[in-house]
Protein backbone atom coordinates (compact mmCIF):
# COMPACT_ATOMS: atom_id res chain seq x y z
CA MET A 1 -28.83 0.43 -13.61
CA THR A 2 -30.99 -1.38 -11.18
CA ARG A 3 -29.69 -2.98 -8.04
CA ARG A 4 -30.41 -6.31 -9.64
CA ASP A 5 -28.54 -5.65 -12.78
CA ALA A 6 -25.53 -4.39 -10.75
CA LEU A 7 -25.49 -7.56 -8.65
CA VAL A 8 -25.70 -9.91 -11.63
CA ARG A 9 -22.59 -7.81 -13.09
CA VAL A 10 -20.68 -8.22 -9.74
CA ILE A 11 -21.32 -11.96 -9.98
CA GLU A 12 -20.22 -12.24 -13.49
CA ALA A 13 -16.99 -10.11 -12.68
CA LEU A 14 -16.38 -12.47 -9.68
CA HIS A 15 -16.77 -15.63 -12.08
CA ALA A 16 -13.98 -13.79 -14.28
CA GLU A 17 -11.84 -13.27 -11.29
CA ILE A 18 -11.94 -16.84 -10.24
CA ALA A 19 -10.96 -17.82 -13.77
CA ALA A 20 -8.26 -15.52 -14.07
CA LEU A 21 -6.89 -16.46 -10.69
CA LYS A 22 -7.04 -20.12 -11.80
CA THR A 23 -5.10 -19.48 -14.96
CA ASN A 24 -2.88 -16.80 -13.42
CA ASP A 25 -3.89 -14.27 -15.96
CA ILE A 26 -2.91 -10.91 -14.41
CA ASP A 27 -4.67 -8.78 -17.16
CA ALA A 28 -7.93 -10.71 -17.00
CA LEU A 29 -7.72 -10.39 -13.19
CA GLU A 30 -7.18 -6.73 -13.41
CA ALA A 31 -10.05 -6.15 -15.84
CA ALA A 32 -12.29 -8.46 -13.84
CA THR A 33 -11.46 -6.55 -10.46
CA GLY A 34 -12.26 -3.20 -12.21
CA ALA A 35 -15.45 -4.35 -13.41
CA LYS A 36 -16.34 -5.69 -10.01
CA LEU A 37 -15.60 -2.63 -8.13
CA LYS A 38 -17.57 -0.47 -10.57
CA SER A 39 -20.50 -2.83 -10.26
CA ILE A 40 -20.32 -2.65 -6.57
CA ASP A 41 -20.47 1.18 -6.74
CA ALA A 42 -23.58 0.65 -8.96
CA VAL A 43 -24.96 -1.60 -6.20
CA ALA A 44 -24.37 0.96 -3.64
CA ALA A 45 -25.89 3.82 -5.71
CA ALA A 46 -29.14 1.91 -6.48
CA LYS A 47 -32.08 3.05 -4.40
CA GLU A 48 -34.61 0.66 -5.05
CA PRO A 49 -35.70 -1.52 -1.77
CA SER A 50 -34.39 -4.99 -1.36
CA THR A 51 -36.35 -8.10 -2.37
CA PRO A 52 -35.70 -11.94 -1.86
CA GLU A 53 -34.18 -12.24 -5.38
CA ILE A 54 -31.79 -9.17 -4.62
CA GLU A 55 -30.77 -10.76 -1.18
CA GLU A 56 -30.14 -14.07 -2.90
CA LEU A 57 -27.96 -12.38 -5.53
CA ALA A 58 -26.04 -10.67 -2.66
CA ARG A 59 -25.41 -14.02 -0.93
CA GLU A 60 -24.14 -15.42 -4.11
CA ALA A 61 -21.84 -12.65 -4.75
CA HIS A 62 -20.48 -12.98 -1.11
CA ARG A 63 -19.87 -16.72 -1.77
CA LEU A 64 -17.96 -16.11 -4.89
CA ASN A 65 -15.90 -13.18 -3.20
CA GLU A 66 -15.17 -15.78 -0.49
CA THR A 67 -13.94 -18.22 -3.07
CA CYS A 68 -11.75 -15.39 -4.66
CA ARG A 69 -10.30 -14.87 -1.16
CA VAL A 70 -9.47 -18.42 -0.54
CA TYR A 71 -7.59 -18.59 -4.01
CA VAL A 72 -5.54 -15.50 -3.12
CA ASN A 73 -4.70 -16.80 0.24
CA LEU A 74 -3.32 -20.16 -1.23
CA MET A 75 -1.42 -18.36 -3.76
CA ALA A 76 0.16 -16.06 -0.95
CA ALA A 77 0.97 -19.09 1.14
CA ASN A 78 2.61 -20.86 -1.88
CA VAL A 79 4.69 -17.96 -2.66
CA ARG A 80 5.78 -17.60 0.90
CA ARG A 81 6.76 -21.33 1.01
CA ARG A 82 8.77 -20.89 -2.24
CA LEU A 83 10.47 -17.70 -0.86
CA GLN A 84 11.43 -19.61 2.32
CA VAL A 85 13.03 -22.52 0.33
CA LEU A 86 14.93 -20.28 -1.89
CA ALA A 87 16.32 -18.27 1.19
CA GLY A 88 17.32 -21.66 2.76
CA ALA A 89 14.92 -21.41 5.63
CA PRO A 90 12.86 -24.49 6.21
CA ALA A 91 9.39 -24.34 4.93
CA GLN A 92 6.98 -24.17 7.78
CA SER A 93 3.86 -26.29 7.65
CA TYR A 94 0.58 -24.81 8.60
CA ARG A 95 0.12 -24.53 12.30
CA PRO A 96 -2.99 -23.16 13.84
CA MET A 97 -2.55 -20.00 15.77
CA GLY A 98 -5.07 -20.55 18.41
CA GLY A 99 -2.76 -22.33 20.97
CA ALA A 100 0.77 -22.06 22.12
CA ALA A 101 3.24 -23.74 20.26
CA LEU A 102 4.81 -27.05 21.51
CA ALA A 103 8.54 -26.97 22.21
């Protein structure tokens, strides 16, 4: 498999991951993640030199992976908030971690 073909498969798998995250389809997410990891291994194993097209595909894959990361982080924040409510603790709003908390 060429590096280009492997990157196209990574991108397709990332689109499938995003769709699965949007619909909370765990089976589809597991399948898409497995396909993505297999394709990433194929990208790493490919030995042909980089081209502008390959670099653009890699940037697209990176952008889509960041989109997946945002979805996962939002889902984790929602679960954390729900658990806090169920436990009777006040749900904390988002607060930047850069500065000291105001008293």
